[in-house]
C-alpha atoms as a PDB file:
ATOM      1  CA  UNK A   1     107.249 121.104 113.266  1.00  0.00           C
ATOM      2  CA  UNK A   2     109.494 118.134 113.926  1.00  0.00           C
ATOM      3  CA  UNK A   3     113.165 119.017 113.563  1.00  0.00           C
ATOM      4  CA  UNK A   4     114.827 117.370 110.560  1.00  0.00           C
ATOM      5  CA  UNK A   5     117.075 114.319 110.891  1.00  0.00           C
ATOM      6  CA  UNK A   6     120.662 114.108 109.671  1.00  0.00           C
ATOM      7  CA  UNK A   7     121.635 110.804 108.035  1.00  0.00           C
ATOM      8  CA  UNK A   8     125.383 110.151 107.873  1.00  0.00           C
ATOM      9  CA  UNK A   9     126.440 107.480 105.385  1.00  0.00           C
ATOM     10  CA  UNK A  10     129.479 105.858 106.980  1.00  0.00           C
ATOM     11  CA  UNK A  11     129.550 102.257 105.760  1.00  0.00           C
ATOM     12  CA  UNK A  12     131.816 102.877 102.746  1.00  0.00           C
ATOM     13  CA  UNK A  13     135.024 100.979 102.324  1.00  0.00           C
ATOM     14  CA  UNK A  14     137.439 103.924 102.125  1.00  0.00           C
ATOM     15  CA  UNK A  15     139.747 101.922  99.868  1.00  0.00           C
ATOM     16  CA  UNK A  16     141.749 104.822  98.446  1.00  0.00           C
ATOM     17  CA  UNK A  17     142.467 106.204 101.905  1.00  0.00           C
ATOM     18  CA  UNK A  18     143.809 102.842 103.009  1.00  0.00           C
ATOM     19  CA  UNK A  19     141.919 102.517 106.280  1.00  0.00           C
ATOM     20  CA  UNK A  20     138.825 103.462 108.241  1.00  0.00           C
ATOM     21  CA  UNK A  21     139.036 107.138 107.363  1.00  0.00           C
ATOM     22  CA  UNK A  22     135.670 107.863 108.960  1.00  0.00           C
ATOM     23  CA  UNK A  23     137.202 107.607 112.448  1.00  0.00           C
ATOM     24  CA  UNK A  24     140.636 109.143 111.811  1.00  0.00           C
ATOM     25  CA  UNK A  25     141.237 112.134 114.196  1.00  0.00           C
ATOM     26  CA  UNK A  26     141.710 115.471 112.452  1.00  0.00           C
ATOM     27  CA  UNK A  27     142.552 117.742 115.400  1.00  0.00           C
ATOM     28  CA  UNK A  28     144.432 117.734 118.685  1.00  0.00           C
ATOM     29  CA  UNK A  29     141.270 117.070 120.691  1.00  0.00           C
ATOM     30  CA  UNK A  30     140.691 113.808 118.824  1.00  0.00           C
ATOM     31  CA  UNK A  31     137.647 115.002 116.881  1.00  0.00           C
ATOM     32  CA  UNK A  32     136.890 113.238 113.620  1.00  0.00           C
ATOM     33  CA  UNK A  33     135.150 114.710 110.588  1.00  0.00           C
ATOM     34  CA  UNK A  34     131.797 113.369 111.794  1.00  0.00           C
ATOM     35  CA  UNK A  35     132.196 115.425 114.996  1.00  0.00           C
ATOM     36  CA  UNK A  36     132.351 118.594 112.912  1.00  0.00           C
ATOM     37  CA  UNK A  37     129.348 117.605 110.800  1.00  0.00           C
ATOM     38  CA  UNK A  38     127.207 116.745 113.817  1.00  0.00           C
ATOM     39  CA  UNK A  39     128.279 119.873 115.693  1.00  0.00           C
ATOM     40  CA  UNK A  40     127.375 122.056 112.703  1.00  0.00           C
ATOM     41  CA  UNK A  41     124.081 120.216 112.173  1.00  0.00           C
ATOM     42  CA  UNK A  42     122.912 120.501 115.782  1.00  0.00           C
ATOM     43  CA  UNK A  43     123.791 124.214 115.838  1.00  0.00           C
ATOM     44  CA  UNK A  44     121.814 124.636 112.608  1.00  0.00           C
ATOM     45  CA  UNK A  45     118.683 123.056 114.102  1.00  0.00           C
ATOM     46  CA  UNK A  46     118.727 119.352 113.248  1.00  0.00           C
ATOM     47  CA  UNK A  47     117.106 117.284 115.961  1.00  0.00           C
ATOM     48  CA  UNK A  48     118.444 113.765 115.434  1.00  0.00           C
ATOM     49  CA  UNK A  49     121.453 112.036 113.871  1.00  0.00           C
ATOM     50  CA  UNK A  50     121.466 108.567 112.323  1.00  0.00           C
ATOM     51  CA  UNK A  51     124.817 106.999 111.419  1.00  0.00           C
ATOM     52  CA  UNK A  52     124.641 104.251 108.814  1.00  0.00           C
ATOM     53  CA  UNK A  53     127.460 101.804 109.470  1.00  0.00           C
ATOM     54  CA  UNK A  54     128.471  98.194 109.001  1.00  0.00           C
ATOM     55  CA  UNK A  55     127.648  96.178 112.142  1.00  0.00           C
ATOM     56  CA  UNK A  56     131.290  95.271 112.682  1.00  0.00           C
ATOM     57  CA  UNK A  57     132.177  98.983 112.846  1.00  0.00           C
ATOM     58  CA  UNK A  58     129.866  99.811 115.753  1.00  0.00           C
ATOM     59  CA  UNK A  59     132.340  99.266 118.584  1.00  0.00           C
ATOM     60  CA  UNK A  60     134.953 101.461 116.869  1.00  0.00           C
ATOM     61  CA  UNK A  61     132.384 104.164 116.143  1.00  0.00           C
ATOM     62  CA  UNK A  62     131.153 104.255 119.701  1.00  0.00           C
ATOM     63  CA  UNK A  63     134.718 104.433 121.013  1.00  0.00           C
ATOM     64  CA  UNK A  64     135.761 107.124 118.510  1.00  0.00           C
ATOM     65  CA  UNK A  65     132.869 109.525 119.110  1.00  0.00           C
ATOM     66  CA  UNK A  66     129.464 107.940 119.757  1.00  0.00           C
ATOM     67  CA  UNK A  67     129.761 107.374 123.485  1.00  0.00           C
ATOM     68  CA  UNK A  68     131.439 110.767 123.880  1.00  0.00           C
ATOM     69  CA  UNK A  69     128.531 112.730 122.371  1.00  0.00           C
ATOM     70  CA  UNK A  70     125.601 110.567 123.507  1.00  0.00           C
ATOM     71  CA  UNK A  71     124.725 112.975 126.338  1.00  0.00           C
ATOM     72  CA  UNK A  72     124.474 115.900 123.922  1.00  0.00           C
ATOM     73  CA  UNK A  73     122.937 114.458 120.750  1.00  0.00           C
ATOM     74  CA  UNK A  74     119.995 112.210 119.901  1.00  0.00           C
ATOM     75  CA  UNK A  75     122.192 109.653 118.110  1.00  0.00           C
ATOM     76  CA  UNK A  76     121.020 106.413 116.514  1.00  0.00           C
ATOM     77  CA  UNK A  77     122.682 103.739 114.392  1.00  0.00           C
ATOM     78  CA  UNK A  78     121.424 101.921 111.325  1.00  0.00           C
ATOM     79  CA  UNK A  79     123.177  98.960 109.764  1.00  0.00           C
ATOM     80  CA  UNK A  80     123.965  98.532 106.089  1.00  0.00           C
ATOM     81  CA  UNK A  81     124.547  94.932 105.127  1.00  0.00           C
ATOM     82  CA  UNK A  82     124.490  93.353 101.683  1.00  0.00           C
ATOM     83  CA  UNK A  83     121.765  90.899 102.686  1.00  0.00           C
ATOM     84  CA  UNK A  84     119.217  93.701 103.257  1.00  0.00           C
ATOM     85  CA  UNK A  85     117.382  93.111  99.998  1.00  0.00           C
ATOM     86  CA  UNK A  86     113.732  93.140  98.914  1.00  0.00           C
ATOM     87  CA  UNK A  87     111.796  89.884  98.987  1.00  0.00           C
ATOM     88  CA  UNK A  88     112.708  87.620  96.092  1.00  0.00           C
ATOM     89  CA  UNK A  89     116.349  88.784  95.789  1.00  0.00           C
ATOM     90  CA  UNK A  90     119.500  87.146  97.102  1.00  0.00           C
ATOM     91  CA  UNK A  91     123.124  88.275  97.350  1.00  0.00           C
ATOM     92  CA  UNK A  92     125.135  87.194  94.282  1.00  0.00           C
ATOM     93  CA  UNK A  93     127.709  84.550  95.095  1.00  0.00           C
ATOM     94  CA  UNK A  94     131.013  86.144  96.025  1.00  0.00           C
ATOM     95  CA  UNK A  95     129.651  89.683  96.458  1.00  0.00           C
ATOM     96  CA  UNK A  96     131.112  91.623  99.410  1.00  0.00           C
ATOM     97  CA  UNK A  97     130.727  95.210  98.162  1.00  0.00           C
ATOM     98  CA  UNK A  98     128.002  97.385  99.768  1.00  0.00           C
ATOM     99  CA  UNK A  99     125.007  98.324  97.603  1.00  0.00           C
ATOM    100  CA  UNK A 100     125.754 102.061  97.538  1.00  0.00           C
ATOM    101  CA  UNK A 101     124.588 105.327  99.059  1.00  0.00           C
ATOM    102  CA  UNK A 102     120.897 105.064  98.130  1.00  0.00           C
ATOM    103  CA  UNK A 103     120.813 101.664  99.813  1.00  0.00           C
ATOM    104  CA  UNK A 104     122.505 103.227 102.865  1.00  0.00           C
ATOM    105  CA  UNK A 105     119.660 105.736 103.225  1.00  0.00           C
ATOM    106  CA  UNK A 106     117.138 102.955 102.731  1.00  0.00           C
ATOM    107  CA  UNK A 107     118.744 100.996 105.581  1.00  0.00           C
ATOM    108  CA  UNK A 108     118.181 104.033 107.827  1.00  0.00           C
ATOM    109  CA  UNK A 109     114.534 104.535 106.838  1.00  0.00           C
ATOM    110  CA  UNK A 110     113.028 103.167 110.058  1.00  0.00           C
ATOM    111  CA  UNK A 111     115.112 105.589 112.134  1.00  0.00           C
ATOM    112  CA  UNK A 112     114.387 108.709 110.046  1.00  0.00           C
ATOM    113  CA  UNK A 113     111.807 110.985 111.630  1.00  0.00           C
ATOM    114  CA  UNK A 114     110.243 113.394 109.174  1.00  0.00           C
ATOM    115  CA  UNK A 115     112.292 115.277 106.598  1.00  0.00           C
ATOM    116  CA  UNK A 116     116.029 114.682 106.504  1.00  0.00           C
ATOM    117  CA  UNK A 117     119.403 115.583 105.098  1.00  0.00           C
ATOM    118  CA  UNK A 118     121.944 113.002 103.936  1.00  0.00           C
ATOM    119  CA  UNK A 119     125.723 113.413 103.906  1.00  0.00           C
ATOM    120  CA  UNK A 120     128.921 111.394 103.490  1.00  0.00           C
ATOM    121  CA  UNK A 121     130.809 110.588 106.683  1.00  0.00           C
ATOM    122  CA  UNK A 122     134.231 111.475 105.307  1.00  0.00           C
ATOM    123  CA  UNK A 123     133.468 114.937 103.897  1.00  0.00           C
ATOM    124  CA  UNK A 124     133.669 118.279 105.712  1.00  0.00           C
ATOM    125  CA  UNK A 125     130.800 120.460 104.475  1.00  0.00           C
ATOM    126  CA  UNK A 126     130.996 123.651 106.548  1.00  0.00           C
ATOM    127  CA  UNK A 127     128.590 125.283 108.994  1.00  0.00           C
ATOM    128  CA  UNK A 128     126.669 127.446 106.540  1.00  0.00           C
ATOM    129  CA  UNK A 129     125.910 124.450 104.333  1.00  0.00           C
ATOM    130  CA  UNK A 130     124.112 122.704 107.199  1.00  0.00           C
ATOM    131  CA  UNK A 131     122.288 125.905 108.093  1.00  0.00           C
ATOM    132  CA  UNK A 132     121.085 126.265 104.506  1.00  0.00           C
ATOM    133  CA  UNK A 133     119.853 122.664 104.417  1.00  0.00           C
ATOM    134  CA  UNK A 134     118.079 122.945 107.780  1.00  0.00           C
ATOM    135  CA  UNK A 135     116.402 126.223 106.847  1.00  0.00           C
ATOM    136  CA  UNK A 136     115.103 124.651 103.637  1.00  0.00           C
ATOM    137  CA  UNK A 137     113.723 121.606 105.433  1.00  0.00           C
ATOM    138  CA  UNK A 138     112.155 123.722 108.168  1.00  0.00           C
ATOM    139  CA  UNK A 139     109.926 125.583 105.708  1.00  0.00           C
ATOM    140  CA  UNK A 140     106.624 123.986 104.614  1.00  0.00           C
ATOM    141  CA  UNK A 141     106.842 122.572 101.087  1.00  0.00           C
ATOM    142  CA  UNK A 142     105.304 119.869  98.936  1.00  0.00           C
ATOM    143  CA  UNK A 143     106.470 116.288  99.407  1.00  0.00           C
ATOM    144  CA  UNK A 144     108.139 116.241  95.990  1.00  0.00           C
ATOM    145  CA  UNK A 145     110.236 119.383  96.527  1.00  0.00           C
ATOM    146  CA  UNK A 146     113.805 118.623  97.559  1.00  0.00           C
ATOM    147  CA  UNK A 147     117.139 120.452  97.579  1.00  0.00           C
ATOM    148  CA  UNK A 148     120.824 119.852  97.064  1.00  0.00           C
ATOM    149  CA  UNK A 149     123.615 121.994  98.472  1.00  0.00           C
ATOM    150  CA  UNK A 150     125.780 122.929  95.487  1.00  0.00           C
ATOM    151  CA  UNK A 151     129.517 123.542  95.786  1.00  0.00           C
ATOM    152  CA  UNK A 152     131.759 125.420  93.367  1.00  0.00           C
ATOM    153  CA  UNK A 153     133.924 122.807  91.682  1.00  0.00           C
ATOM    154  CA  UNK A 154     137.170 124.614  92.484  1.00  0.00           C
ATOM    155  CA  UNK A 155     136.290 124.331  96.204  1.00  0.00           C
ATOM    156  CA  UNK A 156     135.996 120.533  96.095  1.00  0.00           C
ATOM    157  CA  UNK A 157     139.351 119.356  94.719  1.00  0.00           C
ATOM    158  CA  UNK A 158     142.510 117.851  96.164  1.00  0.00           C
ATOM    159  CA  UNK A 159     146.088 118.307  95.017  1.00  0.00           C
ATOM    160  CA  UNK A 160     146.839 114.662  95.856  1.00  0.00           C
ATOM    161  CA  UNK A 161     144.932 112.935  93.069  1.00  0.00           C
ATOM    162  CA  UNK A 162     141.696 112.862  91.156  1.00  0.00           C
ATOM    163  CA  UNK A 163     138.164 112.857  92.569  1.00  0.00           C
ATOM    164  CA  UNK A 164     134.709 111.953  91.334  1.00  0.00           C
ATOM    165  CA  UNK A 165     132.031 114.630  91.378  1.00  0.00           C
ATOM    166  CA  UNK A 166     128.466 114.962  90.181  1.00  0.00           C
ATOM    167  CA  UNK A 167     128.490 117.931  87.806  1.00  0.00           C
ATOM    168  CA  UNK A 168     125.174 119.770  87.908  1.00  0.00           C
ATOM    169  CA  UNK A 169     123.160 121.315  85.103  1.00  0.00           C
ATOM    170  CA  UNK A 170     121.188 124.100  86.796  1.00  0.00           C
ATOM    171  CA  UNK A 171     118.609 126.338  85.105  1.00  0.00           C
ATOM    172  CA  UNK A 172     118.330 130.113  85.506  1.00  0.00           C
ATOM    173  CA  UNK A 173     115.931 129.697  88.447  1.00  0.00           C
ATOM    174  CA  UNK A 174     118.312 127.510  90.428  1.00  0.00           C
ATOM    175  CA  UNK A 175     116.471 124.285  89.636  1.00  0.00           C
ATOM    176  CA  UNK A 176     118.493 121.157  88.946  1.00  0.00           C
ATOM    177  CA  UNK A 177     118.073 119.722  85.444  1.00  0.00           C
ATOM    178  CA  UNK A 178     120.427 116.743  85.794  1.00  0.00           C
ATOM    179  CA  UNK A 179     123.568 115.435  87.469  1.00  0.00           C
ATOM    180  CA  UNK A 180     126.328 113.768  85.473  1.00  0.00           C
ATOM    181  CA  UNK A 181     128.879 111.773  87.422  1.00  0.00           C
ATOM    182  CA  UNK A 182     132.406 112.470  86.207  1.00  0.00           C
ATOM    183  CA  UNK A 183     135.461 110.499  87.248  1.00  0.00           C
ATOM    184  CA  UNK A 184     139.114 111.502  87.555  1.00  0.00           C
ATOM    185  CA  UNK A 185     138.525 115.237  88.004  1.00  0.00           C
ATOM    186  CA  UNK A 186     141.701 117.214  88.677  1.00  0.00           C
ATOM    187  CA  UNK A 187     142.472 120.909  89.326  1.00  0.00           C
ATOM    188  CA  UNK A 188     143.321 123.165  86.397  1.00  0.00           C
ATOM    189  CA  UNK A 189     143.960 126.917  86.180  1.00  0.00           C
ATOM    190  CA  UNK A 190     140.542 128.568  86.172  1.00  0.00           C
ATOM    191  CA  UNK A 191     138.654 125.417  87.114  1.00  0.00           C
ATOM    192  CA  UNK A 192     139.074 121.667  86.683  1.00  0.00           C
ATOM    193  CA  UNK A 193     139.168 118.982  84.029  1.00  0.00           C
ATOM    194  CA  UNK A 194     138.211 115.347  83.602  1.00  0.00           C
ATOM    195  CA  UNK A 195     138.982 112.684  81.031  1.00  0.00           C
ATOM    196  CA  UNK A 196     136.067 111.682  78.824  1.00  0.00           C
ATOM    197  CA  UNK A 197     136.242 108.008  77.841  1.00  0.00           C
ATOM    198  CA  UNK A 198     139.793 108.061  79.179  1.00  0.00           C
ATOM    199  CA  UNK A 199     141.118 110.017  76.205  1.00  0.00           C
ATOM    200  CA  UNK A 200     139.906 113.588  75.717  1.00  0.00           C
ATOM    201  CA  UNK A 201     140.321 116.132  78.504  1.00  0.00           C
ATOM    202  CA  UNK A 202     137.224 118.228  79.160  1.00  0.00           C
ATOM    203  CA  UNK A 203     137.616 121.570  80.943  1.00  0.00           C
ATOM    204  CA  UNK A 204     135.100 122.573  83.629  1.00  0.00           C
ATOM    205  CA  UNK A 205     135.146 126.303  84.471  1.00  0.00           C
ATOM    206  CA  UNK A 206     135.346 127.632  88.009  1.00  0.00           C
ATOM    207  CA  UNK A 207     131.944 128.303  89.500  1.00  0.00           C
ATOM    208  CA  UNK A 208     130.371 125.162  88.060  1.00  0.00           C
ATOM    209  CA  UNK A 209     128.069 123.585  90.638  1.00  0.00           C
ATOM    210  CA  UNK A 210     128.847 120.049  91.785  1.00  0.00           C
ATOM    211  CA  UNK A 211     127.148 117.711  94.211  1.00  0.00           C
ATOM    212  CA  UNK A 212     128.976 116.608  97.352  1.00  0.00           C
ATOM    213  CA  UNK A 213     126.077 114.385  98.429  1.00  0.00           C
ATOM    214  CA  UNK A 214     124.544 116.906 100.802  1.00  0.00           C
ATOM    215  CA  UNK A 215     120.826 116.477 100.112  1.00  0.00           C
ATOM    216  CA  UNK A 216     117.767 117.946 101.812  1.00  0.00           C
ATOM    217  CA  UNK A 217     114.914 115.510 101.261  1.00  0.00           C
ATOM    218  CA  UNK A 218     111.250 115.397 102.115  1.00  0.00           C
ATOM    219  CA  UNK A 219     110.319 112.162 103.874  1.00  0.00           C
ATOM    220  CA  UNK A 220     108.309 111.021 100.843  1.00  0.00           C
ATOM    221  CA  UNK A 221     111.466 110.296  98.856  1.00  0.00           C
ATOM    222  CA  UNK A 222     112.034 107.173 100.930  1.00  0.00           C
ATOM    223  CA  UNK A 223     109.157 105.515  99.087  1.00  0.00           C
ATOM    224  CA  UNK A 224     110.859 106.317  95.784  1.00  0.00           C
ATOM    225  CA  UNK A 225     114.240 105.031  96.974  1.00  0.00           C
ATOM    226  CA  UNK A 226     112.612 101.794  98.098  1.00  0.00           C
ATOM    227  CA  UNK A 227     110.660 101.232  94.887  1.00  0.00           C
ATOM    228  CA  UNK A 228     113.567 102.078  92.602  1.00  0.00           C
ATOM    229  CA  UNK A 229     115.906  99.700  94.416  1.00  0.00           C
ATOM    230  CA  UNK A 230     113.864  96.852  92.951  1.00  0.00           C
ATOM    231  CA  UNK A 231     114.241  98.391  89.490  1.00  0.00           C
ATOM    232  CA  UNK A 232     117.989  98.748  90.049  1.00  0.00           C
ATOM    233  CA  UNK A 233     118.363  95.101  91.048  1.00  0.00           C
ATOM    234  CA  UNK A 234     116.422  93.948  88.002  1.00  0.00           C
ATOM    235  CA  UNK A 235     118.183  96.233  85.513  1.00  0.00           C
ATOM    236  CA  UNK A 236     121.787  96.542  86.707  1.00  0.00           C
ATOM    237  CA  UNK A 237     122.583  93.449  88.712  1.00  0.00           C
ATOM    238  CA  UNK A 238     122.593  90.847  85.906  1.00  0.00           C
ATOM    239  CA  UNK A 239     125.316  92.708  83.990  1.00  0.00           C
ATOM    240  CA  UNK A 240     127.503  93.574  87.002  1.00  0.00           C
ATOM    241  CA  UNK A 241     126.631  91.359  89.996  1.00  0.00           C
ATOM    242  CA  UNK A 242     129.822  92.071  91.962  1.00  0.00           C
ATOM    243  CA  UNK A 243     130.183  95.859  91.656  1.00  0.00           C
ATOM    244  CA  UNK A 244     126.860  97.466  90.646  1.00  0.00           C
ATOM    245  CA  UNK A 245     125.895 100.170  93.163  1.00  0.00           C
ATOM    246  CA  UNK A 246     122.665 102.026  93.812  1.00  0.00           C
ATOM    247  CA  UNK A 247     123.810 105.641  94.112  1.00  0.00           C
ATOM    248  CA  UNK A 248     121.727 108.239  95.937  1.00  0.00           C
ATOM    249  CA  UNK A 249     121.874 110.931  93.192  1.00  0.00           C
ATOM    250  CA  UNK A 250     120.295 108.501  90.734  1.00  0.00           C
ATOM    251  CA  UNK A 251     116.949 108.780  92.532  1.00  0.00           C
ATOM    252  CA  UNK A 252     116.365 112.563  92.378  1.00  0.00           C
ATOM    253  CA  UNK A 253     117.919 112.579  88.906  1.00  0.00           C
ATOM    254  CA  UNK A 254     115.352 110.048  87.692  1.00  0.00           C
ATOM    255  CA  UNK A 255     112.493 111.903  89.374  1.00  0.00           C
ATOM    256  CA  UNK A 256     113.556 115.123  87.630  1.00  0.00           C
ATOM    257  CA  UNK A 257     113.705 113.436  84.220  1.00  0.00           C
ATOM    258  CA  UNK A 258     110.264 111.920  84.792  1.00  0.00           C
ATOM    259  CA  UNK A 259     108.778 115.255  85.900  1.00  0.00           C
ATOM    260  CA  UNK A 260     107.858 113.844  89.318  1.00  0.00           C
ATOM    261  CA  UNK A 261     109.971 116.092  91.537  1.00  0.00           C
ATOM    262  CA  UNK A 262     111.808 119.393  91.707  1.00  0.00           C
ATOM    263  CA  UNK A 263     115.273 119.779  93.210  1.00  0.00           C
ATOM    264  CA  UNK A 264     116.517 123.261  94.051  1.00  0.00           C
ATOM    265  CA  UNK A 265     120.267 123.852  94.078  1.00  0.00           C
ATOM    266  CA  UNK A 266     121.198 125.946  97.109  1.00  0.00           C
ATOM    267  CA  UNK A 267     124.672 127.335  96.535  1.00  0.00           C
ATOM    268  CA  UNK A 268     127.332 127.519  99.215  1.00  0.00           C
ATOM    269  CA  UNK A 269     130.718 129.217  99.259  1.00  0.00           C
ATOM    270  CA  UNK A 270     132.051 126.657 101.757  1.00  0.00           C
ATOM    271  CA  UNK A 271     135.310 124.872 101.023  1.00  0.00           C
ATOM    272  CA  UNK A 272     135.174 121.090 101.024  1.00  0.00           C
ATOM    273  CA  UNK A 273     137.764 119.119 102.957  1.00  0.00           C
ATOM    274  CA  UNK A 274     138.108 115.366 102.908  1.00  0.00           C
ATOM    275  CA  UNK A 275     140.482 112.459 103.221  1.00  0.00           C
ATOM    276  CA  UNK A 276     140.162 110.792  99.854  1.00  0.00           C
ATOM    277  CA  UNK A 277     143.889 110.007  99.951  1.00  0.00           C
ATOM    278  CA  UNK A 278     146.250 109.539 102.942  1.00  0.00           C
ATOM    279  CA  UNK A 279     148.140 112.675 101.913  1.00  0.00           C
ATOM    280  CA  UNK A 280     144.946 114.723 102.349  1.00  0.00           C
ATOM    281  CA  UNK A 281     144.987 114.251 106.110  1.00  0.00           C
ATOM    282  CA  UNK A 282     147.666 116.891 106.741  1.00  0.00           C
ATOM    283  CA  UNK A 283     145.740 119.534 104.771  1.00  0.00           C
ATOM    284  CA  UNK A 284     142.505 118.734 106.609  1.00  0.00           C
ATOM    285  CA  UNK A 285     144.210 118.951 109.991  1.00  0.00           C
ATOM    286  CA  UNK A 286     145.754 122.321 109.067  1.00  0.00           C
ATOM    287  CA  UNK A 287     142.400 123.665 107.861  1.00  0.00           C
ATOM    288  CA  UNK A 288     140.622 122.632 111.066  1.00  0.00           C
ATOM    289  CA  UNK A 289     143.384 124.172 113.183  1.00  0.00           C
ATOM    290  CA  UNK A 290     143.016 127.443 111.277  1.00  0.00           C
ATOM    291  CA  UNK A 291     139.260 127.517 111.817  1.00  0.00           C
ATOM    292  CA  UNK A 292     139.643 126.888 115.531  1.00  0.00           C
ATOM    293  CA  UNK A 293     142.202 129.689 115.757  1.00  0.00           C
ATOM    294  CA  UNK A 294     139.742 132.037 114.026  1.00  0.00           C
ATOM    295  CA  UNK A 295     136.982 131.073 116.444  1.00  0.00           C
ATOM    296  CA  UNK A 296     134.848 129.222 113.901  1.00  0.00           C
ATOM    297  CA  UNK A 297     134.980 126.144 116.158  1.00  0.00           C
ATOM    298  CA  UNK A 298     135.793 125.744 119.853  1.00  0.00           C
ATOM    299  CA  UNK A 299     138.719 123.600 120.992  1.00  0.00           C
ATOM    300  CA  UNK A 300     136.331 121.042 122.445  1.00  0.00           C
ATOM    301  CA  UNK A 301     132.800 120.391 121.113  1.00  0.00           C
ATOM    302  CA  UNK A 302     131.136 118.056 123.570  1.00  0.00           C
ATOM    303  CA  UNK A 303     131.335 119.158 127.178  1.00  0.00           C
END
């Protein structure tokens, strides 16, 4: 079997971080979060990596890590630009915002070989999460059977502000029923809480599964992402031409509701780390240093 591909969505703006957080070093060796993700993925059995970036970011990406790992990893680049639209559609006047994570995967479609996993560039997922995803993709399954790596909500929060998470409704067999995106989630004793309609606080107990955008997809889902992008442009763009985004979770969520696909939630005990806010960087650097001291990661990855 062909080894699965890892797609890294790295064209986001990173506005809350205040800079290009995707290429900010997080350890003394100069590694960035993407280094850790790729290192974990290659060890797990992924065969190729595709980074989805904005064209103007390519030189910085190559300098930050691409050229350094090229001898060790089958690395490709795909380019997400707002003018990559289906025939008959044009960019709304004044729009500069990218089209979202589902569009990012669609921009990488020509470089994806076989089944694939998709992740965010600025999130640390942990080695066992990549192993779980690769093991799932390496087993023969139907083209409409996909998976999502589910994280415990208490393992995905920051003390420096609120985050957005996709809260999962999972049945007793570990099958995803739906994902509901919740904004402004903050830590609380025994779990987390978010504001519903900006007024009422809703408690979410510890152990609740959330999506961190680590998906394990069969190749067939690319056809669905492509077809539903047209539907998105027709339905959502007229009402919000400047900010409407085509989010990756919306595709499997729709397929589940329509009875066209099954998504299994594969739980992980890994702790998420990320740089949503500038203040998060210190905590991420300390966490990586601790893991290197414990032998989870070597001091230098690519030699």
